[in-house]
Each structure stands twice: as structure tokens, then as C-alpha cells.
């Protein structure tokens, strides 16, 4: 089992920045990759960014150049630095961890970007 706890969401003006954190606990040795997804009202959950245990990253086109995913292995934490935020970035952001058998999700953190 892997437990994920997100933090760092909030209300920010357009053009501002936020850093989301996702702390993992439990069977963290089994995690192959972690990522951030988001879901806006009335829309499907979508990929934002992922990072593998080897450090390879992947980003959605909509956030490339504005977001950076990183990890601190000592703290078992993954971060999502979001800059130049836009109103369309408003969503609940979920942390995700994948093992060879399971996918785990955090409870989500709300990000609201005002225009």
C-alpha cells in the first residue's frame, strides 16, 4: 500500500505561481513513477506531468514551459512547480503513484486561478 498526501493548492491570480507537494508513505520502494493529474469541473481527469524513479519527466503540452515536476527522494516527496498560471489551470490536482501492479491516488488539492 502507498499513501499519498497532497498540499500546496490555493487561490492565485493569473500569472502567479504555486508549488504543489505530494508526500508518499508506505511501500514507497515499489513505486515506479509518480505524477500529477488534474480535473476541472465537467471535464475528465488529465495528465499534467510525470516523473519516473529514474528521473525521466513528461509533461502535457498545455503546461510545458510553465510547470516543473521534481522529486526529493530523501523526503519521499514529489513537487509540481507551476508558474505563469492561467485561469484554465483551475482544477483539483491529484498526485498519482504507479507500481507494477497498482495505481494509487491522493485526495486532491484545489488550485484556483483568478483572472
PDB file of N, CA and C in Angstrom:
ATOM      1  N   UNK A   1       0.837  -1.206   0.000  1.00  0.00           N
ATOM      2  CA  UNK A   1       0.000   0.000   0.000  1.00  0.00           C
ATOM      3  C   UNK A   1       0.866   1.248   0.000  1.00  0.00           C
ATOM      4  N   UNK A   2       0.404   2.231  -0.732  1.00  0.00           N
ATOM      5  CA  UNK A   2       1.068   3.532  -0.782  1.00  0.00           C
ATOM      6  C   UNK A   2       0.046   4.595  -0.413  1.00  0.00           C
ATOM      7  N   UNK A   3       0.434   5.480   0.458  1.00  0.00           N
ATOM      8  CA  UNK A   3      -0.427   6.606   0.822  1.00  0.00           C
ATOM      9  C   UNK A   3       0.184   7.890   0.270  1.00  0.00           C
ATOM     10  N   UNK A   4      -0.676   8.741  -0.264  1.00  0.00           N
ATOM     11  CA  UNK A   4      -0.237   9.996  -0.870  1.00  0.00           C
ATOM     12  C   UNK A   4      -1.009  11.151  -0.246  1.00  0.00           C
ATOM     13  N   UNK A   5      -0.282  12.187   0.145  1.00  0.00           N
ATOM     14  CA  UNK A   5      -0.920  13.360   0.728  1.00  0.00           C
ATOM     15  C   UNK A   5      -0.431  14.598  -0.009  1.00  0.00           C
ATOM     16  N   UNK A   6      -1.367  15.285  -0.668  1.00  0.00           N
ATOM     17  CA  UNK A   6      -1.021  16.491  -1.414  1.00  0.00           C
ATOM     18  C   UNK A   6      -1.195  17.729  -0.549  1.00  0.00           C
ATOM     19  N   UNK A   7      -0.464  18.756  -0.890  1.00  0.00           N
ATOM     20  CA  UNK A   7      -0.616  20.050  -0.243  1.00  0.00           C
ATOM     21  C   UNK A   7      -0.113  21.125  -1.191  1.00  0.00           C
ATOM     22  N   UNK A   8      -0.439  22.371  -0.868  1.00  0.00           N
ATOM     23  CA  UNK A   8       0.089  23.483  -1.635  1.00  0.00           C
ATOM     24  C   UNK A   8      -0.891  24.170  -2.564  1.00  0.00           C
ATOM     25  N   UNK A   9      -2.096  23.636  -2.668  1.00  0.00           N
ATOM     26  CA  UNK A   9      -3.074  24.291  -3.518  1.00  0.00           C
ATOM     27  C   UNK A   9      -3.553  25.597  -2.904  1.00  0.00           C
ATOM     28  N   UNK A  10      -4.340  26.331  -3.684  1.00  0.00           N
ATOM     29  CA  UNK A  10      -4.865  27.581  -3.179  1.00  0.00           C
ATOM     30  C   UNK A  10      -5.377  28.468  -4.281  1.00  0.00           C
ATOM     31  N   UNK A  11      -5.624  29.715  -3.926  1.00  0.00           N
ATOM     32  CA  UNK A  11      -6.122  30.721  -4.854  1.00  0.00           C
ATOM     33  C   UNK A  11      -4.979  31.646  -5.242  1.00  0.00           C
ATOM     34  N   UNK A  12      -4.812  31.839  -6.535  1.00  0.00           N
ATOM     35  CA  UNK A  12      -3.733  32.686  -7.023  1.00  0.00           C
ATOM     36  C   UNK A  12      -4.233  33.475  -8.224  1.00  0.00           C
ATOM     37  N   UNK A  13      -3.688  34.641  -8.440  1.00  0.00           N
ATOM     38  CA  UNK A  13      -4.055  35.436  -9.606  1.00  0.00           C
ATOM     39  C   UNK A  13      -3.345  34.913 -10.848  1.00  0.00           C
ATOM     40  N   UNK A  14      -3.935  35.183 -11.968  1.00  0.00           N
ATOM     41  CA  UNK A  14      -3.318  34.802 -13.234  1.00  0.00           C
ATOM     42  C   UNK A  14      -1.914  35.398 -13.322  1.00  0.00           C
ATOM     43  N   UNK A  15      -0.984  34.574 -13.791  1.00  0.00           N
ATOM     44  CA  UNK A  15       0.411  34.979 -13.856  1.00  0.00           C
ATOM     45  C   UNK A  15       1.220  34.598 -12.634  1.00  0.00           C
ATOM     46  N   UNK A  16       0.526  34.166 -11.588  1.00  0.00           N
ATOM     47  CA  UNK A  16       1.202  33.791 -10.356  1.00  0.00           C
ATOM     48  C   UNK A  16       1.753  32.384 -10.381  1.00  0.00           C
ATOM     49  N   UNK A  17       2.278  31.974  -9.235  1.00  0.00           N
ATOM     50  CA  UNK A  17       2.919  30.662  -9.123  1.00  0.00           C
ATOM     51  C   UNK A  17       2.412  29.924  -7.890  1.00  0.00           C
ATOM     52  N   UNK A  18       2.469  28.608  -7.967  1.00  0.00           N
ATOM     53  CA  UNK A  18       2.183  27.741  -6.832  1.00  0.00           C
ATOM     54  C   UNK A  18       3.112  26.540  -6.908  1.00  0.00           C
ATOM     55  N   UNK A  19       3.422  25.972  -5.746  1.00  0.00           N
ATOM     56  CA  UNK A  19       4.154  24.722  -5.725  1.00  0.00           C
ATOM     57  C   UNK A  19       3.331  23.699  -4.954  1.00  0.00           C
ATOM     58  N   UNK A  20       2.994  22.634  -5.635  1.00  0.00           N
ATOM     59  CA  UNK A  20       2.272  21.532  -5.016  1.00  0.00           C
ATOM     60  C   UNK A  20       3.263  20.486  -4.523  1.00  0.00           C
ATOM     61  N   UNK A  21       2.920  19.882  -3.401  1.00  0.00           N
ATOM     62  CA  UNK A  21       3.745  18.811  -2.843  1.00  0.00           C
ATOM     63  C   UNK A  21       2.911  17.555  -2.684  1.00  0.00           C
ATOM     64  N   UNK A  22       3.556  16.417  -2.841  1.00  0.00           N
ATOM     65  CA  UNK A  22       2.909  15.118  -2.652  1.00  0.00           C
ATOM     66  C   UNK A  22       3.856  14.243  -1.846  1.00  0.00           C
ATOM     67  N   UNK A  23       3.483  13.978  -0.614  1.00  0.00           N
ATOM     68  CA  UNK A  23       4.300  13.140   0.254  1.00  0.00           C
ATOM     69  C   UNK A  23       3.804  11.710   0.200  1.00  0.00           C
ATOM     70  N   UNK A  24       4.701  10.798  -0.100  1.00  0.00           N
ATOM     71  CA  UNK A  24       4.358   9.382  -0.196  1.00  0.00           C
ATOM     72  C   UNK A  24       4.836   8.633   1.039  1.00  0.00           C
ATOM     73  N   UNK A  25       4.055   7.664   1.453  1.00  0.00           N
ATOM     74  CA  UNK A  25       4.436   6.808   2.579  1.00  0.00           C
ATOM     75  C   UNK A  25       3.932   5.398   2.322  1.00  0.00           C
ATOM     76  N   UNK A  26       4.406   4.465   3.109  1.00  0.00           N
ATOM     77  CA  UNK A  26       4.009   3.077   2.919  1.00  0.00           C
ATOM     78  C   UNK A  26       5.058   2.346   2.099  1.00  0.00           C
ATOM     79  N   UNK A  27       4.608   1.576   1.139  1.00  0.00           N
ATOM     80  CA  UNK A  27       5.505   0.746   0.316  1.00  0.00           C
ATOM     81  C   UNK A  27       6.121   1.560  -0.818  1.00  0.00           C
ATOM     82  N   UNK A  28       6.856   2.595  -0.452  1.00  0.00           N
ATOM     83  CA  UNK A  28       7.401   3.510  -1.456  1.00  0.00           C
ATOM     84  C   UNK A  28       8.456   2.851  -2.331  1.00  0.00           C
ATOM     85  N   UNK A  29       9.068   1.774  -1.852  1.00  0.00           N
ATOM     86  CA  UNK A  29      10.095   1.093  -2.636  1.00  0.00           C
ATOM     87  C   UNK A  29       9.510   0.483  -3.908  1.00  0.00           C
ATOM     88  N   UNK A  30       8.196   0.276  -3.910  1.00  0.00           N
ATOM     89  CA  UNK A  30       7.535  -0.361  -5.051  1.00  0.00           C
ATOM     90  C   UNK A  30       7.096   0.632  -6.126  1.00  0.00           C
ATOM     91  N   UNK A  31       7.286   1.923  -5.878  1.00  0.00           N
ATOM     92  CA  UNK A  31       6.811   2.944  -6.816  1.00  0.00           C
ATOM     93  C   UNK A  31       7.752   3.039  -8.018  1.00  0.00           C
ATOM     94  N   UNK A  32       7.192   2.958  -9.217  1.00  0.00           N
ATOM     95  CA  UNK A  32       7.961   3.099 -10.453  1.00  0.00           C
ATOM     96  C   UNK A  32       7.924   4.523 -10.996  1.00  0.00           C
ATOM     97  N   UNK A  33       6.800   5.179 -10.785  1.00  0.00           N
ATOM     98  CA  UNK A  33       6.640   6.529 -11.302  1.00  0.00           C
ATOM     99  C   UNK A  33       5.598   7.255 -10.479  1.00  0.00           C
ATOM    100  N   UNK A  34       5.724   8.559 -10.456  1.00  0.00           N
ATOM    101  CA  UNK A  34       4.719   9.403  -9.801  1.00  0.00           C
ATOM    102  C   UNK A  34       4.345  10.530 -10.736  1.00  0.00           C
ATOM    103  N   UNK A  35       3.184  11.093 -10.493  1.00  0.00           N
ATOM    104  CA  UNK A  35       2.754  12.145 -11.393  1.00  0.00           C
ATOM    105  C   UNK A  35       1.674  13.011 -10.795  1.00  0.00           C
ATOM    106  N   UNK A  36       1.346  14.015 -11.551  1.00  0.00           N
ATOM    107  CA  UNK A  36       0.256  14.920 -11.213  1.00  0.00           C
ATOM    108  C   UNK A  36      -0.770  14.903 -12.336  1.00  0.00           C
ATOM    109  N   UNK A  37      -2.012  14.824 -11.933  1.00  0.00           N
ATOM    110  CA  UNK A  37      -3.135  14.897 -12.850  1.00  0.00           C
ATOM    111  C   UNK A  37      -4.068  15.979 -12.336  1.00  0.00           C
ATOM    112  N   UNK A  38      -4.957  16.439 -13.191  1.00  0.00           N
ATOM    113  CA  UNK A  38      -5.918  17.447 -12.747  1.00  0.00           C
ATOM    114  C   UNK A  38      -7.279  17.183 -13.372  1.00  0.00           C
ATOM    115  N   UNK A  39      -8.293  17.656 -12.663  1.00  0.00           N
ATOM    116  CA  UNK A  39      -9.659  17.511 -13.151  1.00  0.00           C
ATOM    117  C   UNK A  39     -10.425  18.796 -12.886  1.00  0.00           C
ATOM    118  N   UNK A  40     -10.833  19.416 -13.967  1.00  0.00           N
ATOM    119  CA  UNK A  40     -11.641  20.628 -13.882  1.00  0.00           C
ATOM    120  C   UNK A  40     -13.119  20.229 -13.871  1.00  0.00           C
ATOM    121  N   UNK A  41     -13.977  21.089 -13.356  1.00  0.00           N
ATOM    122  CA  UNK A  41     -15.410  20.767 -13.306  1.00  0.00           C
ATOM    123  C   UNK A  41     -15.953  20.420 -14.692  1.00  0.00           C
ATOM    124  N   UNK A  42     -16.641  19.303 -14.779  1.00  0.00           N
ATOM    125  CA  UNK A  42     -17.254  18.884 -16.027  1.00  0.00           C
ATOM    126  C   UNK A  42     -16.296  18.292 -17.037  1.00  0.00           C
ATOM    127  N   UNK A  43     -15.038  18.113 -16.642  1.00  0.00           N
ATOM    128  CA  UNK A  43     -14.049  17.570 -17.566  1.00  0.00           C
ATOM    129  C   UNK A  43     -13.438  16.299 -17.010  1.00  0.00           C
ATOM    130  N   UNK A  44     -12.817  15.538 -17.909  1.00  0.00           N
ATOM    131  CA  UNK A  44     -12.139  14.323 -17.480  1.00  0.00           C
ATOM    132  C   UNK A  44     -10.809  14.646 -16.822  1.00  0.00           C
ATOM    133  N   UNK A  45     -10.356  13.742 -15.980  1.00  0.00           N
ATOM    134  CA  UNK A  45      -9.041  13.895 -15.370  1.00  0.00           C
ATOM    135  C   UNK A  45      -7.982  13.785 -16.459  1.00  0.00           C
ATOM    136  N   UNK A  46      -6.997  14.660 -16.403  1.00  0.00           N
ATOM    137  CA  UNK A  46      -5.964  14.676 -17.432  1.00  0.00           C
ATOM    138  C   UNK A  46      -4.576  14.739 -16.811  1.00  0.00           C
ATOM    139  N   UNK A  47      -3.628  14.220 -17.575  1.00  0.00           N
ATOM    140  CA  UNK A  47      -2.236  14.237 -17.160  1.00  0.00           C
ATOM    141  C   UNK A  47      -1.700  15.658 -17.139  1.00  0.00           C
ATOM    142  N   UNK A  48      -0.915  15.963 -16.114  1.00  0.00           N
ATOM    143  CA  UNK A  48      -0.167  17.215 -16.074  1.00  0.00           C
ATOM    144  C   UNK A  48       1.317  16.928 -16.280  1.00  0.00           C
ATOM    145  N   UNK A  49       1.873  16.064 -15.435  1.00  0.00           N
ATOM    146  CA  UNK A  49       3.299  15.748 -15.524  1.00  0.00           C
ATOM    147  C   UNK A  49       3.579  14.452 -14.770  1.00  0.00           C
ATOM    148  N   UNK A  50       4.602  13.741 -15.229  1.00  0.00           N
ATOM    149  CA  UNK A  50       5.026  12.528 -14.540  1.00  0.00           C
ATOM    150  C   UNK A  50       6.538  12.520 -14.397  1.00  0.00           C
ATOM    151  N   UNK A  51       7.008  11.734 -13.428  1.00  0.00           N
ATOM    152  CA  UNK A  51       8.442  11.547 -13.234  1.00  0.00           C
ATOM    153  C   UNK A  51       8.660  10.099 -12.819  1.00  0.00           C
ATOM    154  N   UNK A  52       9.627   9.463 -13.461  1.00  0.00           N
ATOM    155  CA  UNK A  52       9.909   8.065 -13.140  1.00  0.00           C
ATOM    156  C   UNK A  52      10.907   7.969 -12.000  1.00  0.00           C
ATOM    157  N   UNK A  53      11.096   6.748 -11.527  1.00  0.00           N
ATOM    158  CA  UNK A  53      12.067   6.540 -10.463  1.00  0.00           C
ATOM    159  C   UNK A  53      13.473   6.880 -10.929  1.00  0.00           C
ATOM    160  N   UNK A  54      13.694   6.834 -12.235  1.00  0.00           N
ATOM    161  CA  UNK A  54      14.990   7.203 -12.792  1.00  0.00           C
ATOM    162  C   UNK A  54      15.140   8.681 -13.075  1.00  0.00           C
ATOM    163  N   UNK A  55      14.052   9.431 -12.891  1.00  0.00           N
ATOM    164  CA  UNK A  55      14.120  10.873 -13.067  1.00  0.00           C
ATOM    165  C   UNK A  55      13.641  11.388 -14.408  1.00  0.00           C
ATOM    166  N   UNK A  56      13.188  10.506 -15.285  1.00  0.00           N
ATOM    167  CA  UNK A  56      12.655  10.959 -16.570  1.00  0.00           C
ATOM    168  C   UNK A  56      11.316  11.640 -16.359  1.00  0.00           C
ATOM    169  N   UNK A  57      11.121  12.733 -17.071  1.00  0.00           N
ATOM    170  CA  UNK A  57       9.895  13.515 -16.903  1.00  0.00           C
ATOM    171  C   UNK A  57       9.096  13.595 -18.196  1.00  0.00           C
ATOM    172  N   UNK A  58       7.821  13.852 -18.027  1.00  0.00           N
ATOM    173  CA  UNK A  58       6.917  14.000 -19.164  1.00  0.00           C
ATOM    174  C   UNK A  58       5.874  15.043 -18.790  1.00  0.00           C
ATOM    175  N   UNK A  59       5.522  15.901 -19.739  1.00  0.00           N
ATOM    176  CA  UNK A  59       4.580  16.975 -19.472  1.00  0.00           C
ATOM    177  C   UNK A  59       3.481  17.024 -20.520  1.00  0.00           C
ATOM    178  N   UNK A  60       2.314  17.446 -20.084  1.00  0.00           N
ATOM    179  CA  UNK A  60       1.255  17.744 -21.035  1.00  0.00           C
ATOM    180  C   UNK A  60       1.652  18.989 -21.819  1.00  0.00           C
ATOM    181  N   UNK A  61       1.247  19.032 -23.077  1.00  0.00           N
ATOM    182  CA  UNK A  61       1.591  20.184 -23.908  1.00  0.00           C
ATOM    183  C   UNK A  61       1.088  21.494 -23.297  1.00  0.00           C
ATOM    184  N   UNK A  62      -0.028  21.425 -22.625  1.00  0.00           N
ATOM    185  CA  UNK A  62      -0.650  22.634 -22.077  1.00  0.00           C
ATOM    186  C   UNK A  62       0.159  23.270 -20.945  1.00  0.00           C
ATOM    187  N   UNK A  63       1.077  22.513 -20.348  1.00  0.00           N
ATOM    188  CA  UNK A  63       1.857  23.058 -19.228  1.00  0.00           C
ATOM    189  C   UNK A  63       3.347  23.116 -19.508  1.00  0.00           C
ATOM    190  N   UNK A  64       3.776  22.623 -20.665  1.00  0.00           N
ATOM    191  CA  UNK A  64       5.206  22.645 -20.979  1.00  0.00           C
ATOM    192  C   UNK A  64       5.744  24.069 -20.943  1.00  0.00           C
ATOM    193  N   UNK A  65       6.874  24.225 -20.298  1.00  0.00           N
ATOM    194  CA  UNK A  65       7.485  25.539 -20.176  1.00  0.00           C
ATOM    195  C   UNK A  65       6.980  26.340 -18.997  1.00  0.00           C
ATOM    196  N   UNK A  66       5.884  25.883 -18.388  1.00  0.00           N
ATOM    197  CA  UNK A  66       5.323  26.601 -17.241  1.00  0.00           C
ATOM    198  C   UNK A  66       5.397  25.777 -15.957  1.00  0.00           C
ATOM    199  N   UNK A  67       5.474  24.486 -16.085  1.00  0.00           N
ATOM    200  CA  UNK A  67       5.480  23.610 -14.914  1.00  0.00           C
ATOM    201  C   UNK A  67       6.731  22.746 -14.881  1.00  0.00           C
ATOM    202  N   UNK A  68       7.172  22.441 -13.678  1.00  0.00           N
ATOM    203  CA  UNK A  68       8.318  21.565 -13.489  1.00  0.00           C
ATOM    204  C   UNK A  68       8.000  20.556 -12.400  1.00  0.00           C
ATOM    205  N   UNK A  69       8.144  19.276 -12.730  1.00  0.00           N
ATOM    206  CA  UNK A  69       7.963  18.231 -11.743  1.00  0.00           C
ATOM    207  C   UNK A  69       9.335  17.801 -11.240  1.00  0.00           C
ATOM    208  N   UNK A  70       9.430  17.570  -9.954  1.00  0.00           N
ATOM    209  CA  UNK A  70      10.704  17.159  -9.369  1.00  0.00           C
ATOM    210  C   UNK A  70      10.425  16.264  -8.172  1.00  0.00           C
ATOM    211  N   UNK A  71      11.477  15.600  -7.699  1.00  0.00           N
ATOM    212  CA  UNK A  71      11.295  14.716  -6.562  1.00  0.00           C
ATOM    213  C   UNK A  71      12.452  14.848  -5.593  1.00  0.00           C
ATOM    214  N   UNK A  72      12.150  14.683  -4.331  1.00  0.00           N
ATOM    215  CA  UNK A  72      13.163  14.654  -3.274  1.00  0.00           C
ATOM    216  C   UNK A  72      13.071  13.260  -2.660  1.00  0.00           C
ATOM    217  N   UNK A  73      13.974  12.399  -3.039  1.00  0.00           N
ATOM    218  CA  UNK A  73      13.915  11.011  -2.582  1.00  0.00           C
ATOM    219  C   UNK A  73      14.101  10.894  -1.074  1.00  0.00           C
ATOM    220  N   UNK A  74      14.878  11.801  -0.512  1.00  0.00           N
ATOM    221  CA  UNK A  74      15.106  11.739   0.934  1.00  0.00           C
ATOM    222  C   UNK A  74      13.822  12.015   1.708  1.00  0.00           C
ATOM    223  N   UNK A  75      12.959  12.835   1.111  1.00  0.00           N
ATOM    224  CA  UNK A  75      11.699  13.184   1.773  1.00  0.00           C
ATOM    225  C   UNK A  75      10.519  12.404   1.206  1.00  0.00           C
ATOM    226  N   UNK A  76      10.770  11.542   0.227  1.00  0.00           N
ATOM    227  CA  UNK A  76       9.691  10.774  -0.412  1.00  0.00           C
ATOM    228  C   UNK A  76       8.585  11.702  -0.899  1.00  0.00           C
ATOM    229  N   UNK A  77       9.001  12.792  -1.493  1.00  0.00           N
ATOM    230  CA  UNK A  77       8.058  13.830  -1.898  1.00  0.00           C
ATOM    231  C   UNK A  77       8.292  14.221  -3.348  1.00  0.00           C
ATOM    232  N   UNK A  78       7.197  14.427  -4.050  1.00  0.00           N
ATOM    233  CA  UNK A  78       7.228  14.919  -5.420  1.00  0.00           C
ATOM    234  C   UNK A  78       6.596  16.303  -5.434  1.00  0.00           C
ATOM    235  N   UNK A  79       7.184  17.178  -6.217  1.00  0.00           N
ATOM    236  CA  UNK A  79       6.708  18.556  -6.287  1.00  0.00           C
ATOM    237  C   UNK A  79       6.246  18.894  -7.704  1.00  0.00           C
ATOM    238  N   UNK A  80       5.338  19.832  -7.784  1.00  0.00           N
ATOM    239  CA  UNK A  80       4.953  20.404  -9.066  1.00  0.00           C
ATOM    240  C   UNK A  80       5.016  21.917  -8.922  1.00  0.00           C
ATOM    241  N   UNK A  81       6.036  22.506  -9.532  1.00  0.00           N
ATOM    242  CA  UNK A  81       6.159  23.957  -9.541  1.00  0.00           C
ATOM    243  C   UNK A  81       5.398  24.484 -10.749  1.00  0.00           C
ATOM    244  N   UNK A  82       4.437  25.342 -10.491  1.00  0.00           N
ATOM    245  CA  UNK A  82       3.605  25.879 -11.562  1.00  0.00           C
ATOM    246  C   UNK A  82       3.783  27.390 -11.623  1.00  0.00           C
ATOM    247  N   UNK A  83       4.207  27.866 -12.783  1.00  0.00           N
ATOM    248  CA  UNK A  83       4.427  29.293 -12.995  1.00  0.00           C
ATOM    249  C   UNK A  83       3.510  29.808 -14.101  1.00  0.00           C
ATOM    250  N   UNK A  84       3.397  31.108 -14.186  1.00  0.00           N
ATOM    251  CA  UNK A  84       2.570  31.741 -15.229  1.00  0.00           C
ATOM    252  C   UNK A  84       1.193  31.091 -15.301  1.00  0.00           C
ATOM    253  N   UNK A  85       0.577  30.946 -14.161  1.00  0.00           N
ATOM    254  CA  UNK A  85      -0.700  30.247 -14.091  1.00  0.00           C
ATOM    255  C   UNK A  85      -1.789  30.999 -14.838  1.00  0.00           C
ATOM    256  N   UNK A  86      -2.688  30.224 -15.441  1.00  0.00           N
ATOM    257  CA  UNK A  86      -3.787  30.765 -16.224  1.00  0.00           C
ATOM    258  C   UNK A  86      -5.116  30.321 -15.599  1.00  0.00           C
ATOM    259  N   UNK A  87      -6.188  31.059 -15.845  1.00  0.00           N
ATOM    260  CA  UNK A  87      -7.492  30.623 -15.319  1.00  0.00           C
ATOM    261  C   UNK A  87      -7.846  29.191 -15.740  1.00  0.00           C
ATOM    262  N   UNK A  88      -7.423  28.786 -16.912  1.00  0.00           N
ATOM    263  CA  UNK A  88      -7.734  27.425 -17.377  1.00  0.00           C
ATOM    264  C   UNK A  88      -6.949  26.351 -16.639  1.00  0.00           C
ATOM    265  N   UNK A  89      -6.021  26.751 -15.778  1.00  0.00           N
ATOM    266  CA  UNK A  89      -5.328  25.787 -14.930  1.00  0.00           C
ATOM    267  C   UNK A  89      -6.147  25.447 -13.677  1.00  0.00           C
ATOM    268  N   UNK A  90      -7.249  26.137 -13.491  1.00  0.00           N
ATOM    269  CA  UNK A  90      -8.099  25.880 -12.334  1.00  0.00           C
ATOM    270  C   UNK A  90      -8.639  24.454 -12.381  1.00  0.00           C
ATOM    271  N   UNK A  91      -8.397  23.711 -11.303  1.00  0.00           N
ATOM    272  CA  UNK A  91      -8.801  22.306 -11.248  1.00  0.00           C
ATOM    273  C   UNK A  91      -8.434  21.743  -9.877  1.00  0.00           C
ATOM    274  N   UNK A  92      -8.904  20.544  -9.622  1.00  0.00           N
ATOM    275  CA  UNK A  92      -8.388  19.773  -8.497  1.00  0.00           C
ATOM    276  C   UNK A  92      -7.195  18.980  -9.021  1.00  0.00           C
ATOM    277  N   UNK A  93      -6.089  19.103  -8.336  1.00  0.00           N
ATOM    278  CA  UNK A  93      -4.856  18.435  -8.757  1.00  0.00           C
ATOM    279  C   UNK A  93      -4.639  17.209  -7.867  1.00  0.00           C
ATOM    280  N   UNK A  94      -4.416  16.083  -8.531  1.00  0.00           N
ATOM    281  CA  UNK A  94      -4.239  14.813  -7.841  1.00  0.00           C
ATOM    282  C   UNK A  94      -2.836  14.271  -8.055  1.00  0.00           C
ATOM    283  N   UNK A  95      -2.267  13.769  -6.990  1.00  0.00           N
ATOM    284  CA  UNK A  95      -0.993  13.064  -7.067  1.00  0.00           C
ATOM    285  C   UNK A  95      -1.272  11.590  -7.343  1.00  0.00           C
ATOM    286  N   UNK A  96      -0.377  10.971  -8.057  1.00  0.00           N
ATOM    287  CA  UNK A  96      -0.561   9.593  -8.519  1.00  0.00           C
ATOM    288  C   UNK A  96       0.756   8.843  -8.365  1.00  0.00           C
ATOM    289  N   UNK A  97       0.672   7.598  -7.938  1.00  0.00           N
ATOM    290  CA  UNK A  97       1.863   6.758  -7.841  1.00  0.00           C
ATOM    291  C   UNK A  97       1.557   5.409  -8.474  1.00  0.00           C
ATOM    292  N   UNK A  98       2.479   4.953  -9.305  1.00  0.00           N
ATOM    293  CA  UNK A  98       2.274   3.684 -10.004  1.00  0.00           C
ATOM    294  C   UNK A  98       3.316   2.671  -9.567  1.00  0.00           C
ATOM    295  N   UNK A  99       2.842   1.458  -9.255  1.00  0.00           N
ATOM    296  CA  UNK A  99       3.726   0.331  -9.033  1.00  0.00           C
ATOM    297  C   UNK A  99       3.522  -0.641 -10.185  1.00  0.00           C
ATOM    298  N   UNK A 100       4.136  -1.789 -10.114  1.00  0.00           N
ATOM    299  CA  UNK A 100       3.970  -2.766 -11.189  1.00  0.00           C
ATOM    300  C   UNK A 100       2.564  -3.353 -11.203  1.00  0.00           C
ATOM    301  N   UNK A 101       1.853  -3.219 -10.092  1.00  0.00           N
ATOM    302  CA  UNK A 101       0.528  -3.828 -10.005  1.00  0.00           C
ATOM    303  C   UNK A 101      -0.585  -2.827  -9.749  1.00  0.00           C
ATOM    304  N   UNK A 102      -0.287  -1.725  -9.078  1.00  0.00           N
ATOM    305  CA  UNK A 102      -1.365  -0.849  -8.630  1.00  0.00           C
ATOM    306  C   UNK A 102      -1.094   0.607  -8.993  1.00  0.00           C
ATOM    307  N   UNK A 103      -2.182   1.362  -8.983  1.00  0.00           N
ATOM    308  CA  UNK A 103      -2.113   2.808  -9.122  1.00  0.00           C
ATOM    309  C   UNK A 103      -2.778   3.421  -7.901  1.00  0.00           C
ATOM    310  N   UNK A 104      -2.098   4.345  -7.276  1.00  0.00           N
ATOM    311  CA  UNK A 104      -2.613   5.000  -6.079  1.00  0.00           C
ATOM    312  C   UNK A 104      -2.857   6.479  -6.357  1.00  0.00           C
ATOM    313  N   UNK A 105      -3.859   7.017  -5.674  1.00  0.00           N
ATOM    314  CA  UNK A 105      -4.215   8.430  -5.836  1.00  0.00           C
ATOM    315  C   UNK A 105      -4.282   9.116  -4.483  1.00  0.00           C
ATOM    316  N   UNK A 106      -3.899  10.383  -4.486  1.00  0.00           N
ATOM    317  CA  UNK A 106      -4.110  11.203  -3.314  1.00  0.00           C
ATOM    318  C   UNK A 106      -5.532  11.750  -3.299  1.00  0.00           C
ATOM    319  N   UNK A 107      -5.818  12.550  -2.291  1.00  0.00           N
ATOM    320  CA  UNK A 107      -7.182  13.059  -2.124  1.00  0.00           C
ATOM    321  C   UNK A 107      -7.442  14.290  -2.966  1.00  0.00           C
ATOM    322  N   UNK A 108      -6.400  14.891  -3.499  1.00  0.00           N
ATOM    323  CA  UNK A 108      -6.550  16.056  -4.353  1.00  0.00           C
ATOM    324  C   UNK A 108      -6.391  17.362  -3.600  1.00  0.00           C
ATOM    325  N   UNK A 109      -5.934  18.373  -4.314  1.00  0.00           N
ATOM    326  CA  UNK A 109      -5.803  19.713  -3.753  1.00  0.00           C
ATOM    327  C   UNK A 109      -6.308  20.711  -4.792  1.00  0.00           C
ATOM    328  N   UNK A 110      -7.113  21.659  -4.355  1.00  0.00           N
ATOM    329  CA  UNK A 110      -7.745  22.600  -5.266  1.00  0.00           C
ATOM    330  C   UNK A 110      -6.784  23.720  -5.640  1.00  0.00           C
ATOM    331  N   UNK A 111      -6.710  23.993  -6.925  1.00  0.00           N
ATOM    332  CA  UNK A 111      -5.976  25.145  -7.442  1.00  0.00           C
ATOM    333  C   UNK A 111      -6.980  26.019  -8.185  1.00  0.00           C
ATOM    334  N   UNK A 112      -7.069  27.267  -7.770  1.00  0.00           N
ATOM    335  CA  UNK A 112      -7.972  28.209  -8.421  1.00  0.00           C
ATOM    336  C   UNK A 112      -7.170  29.414  -8.880  1.00  0.00           C
ATOM    337  N   UNK A 113      -7.276  29.713 -10.163  1.00  0.00           N
ATOM    338  CA  UNK A 113      -6.552  30.840 -10.742  1.00  0.00           C
ATOM    339  C   UNK A 113      -7.574  31.884 -11.176  1.00  0.00           C
ATOM    340  N   UNK A 114      -7.497  33.045 -10.581  1.00  0.00           N
ATOM    341  CA  UNK A 114      -8.443  34.111 -10.913  1.00  0.00           C
ATOM    342  C   UNK A 114      -7.876  34.997 -12.014  1.00  0.00           C
ATOM    343  N   UNK A 115      -8.785  35.501 -12.830  1.00  0.00           N
ATOM    344  CA  UNK A 115      -8.352  36.346 -13.959  1.00  0.00           C
ATOM    345  C   UNK A 115      -8.276  37.816 -13.564  1.00  0.00           C
TER     346      UNK A 115
END
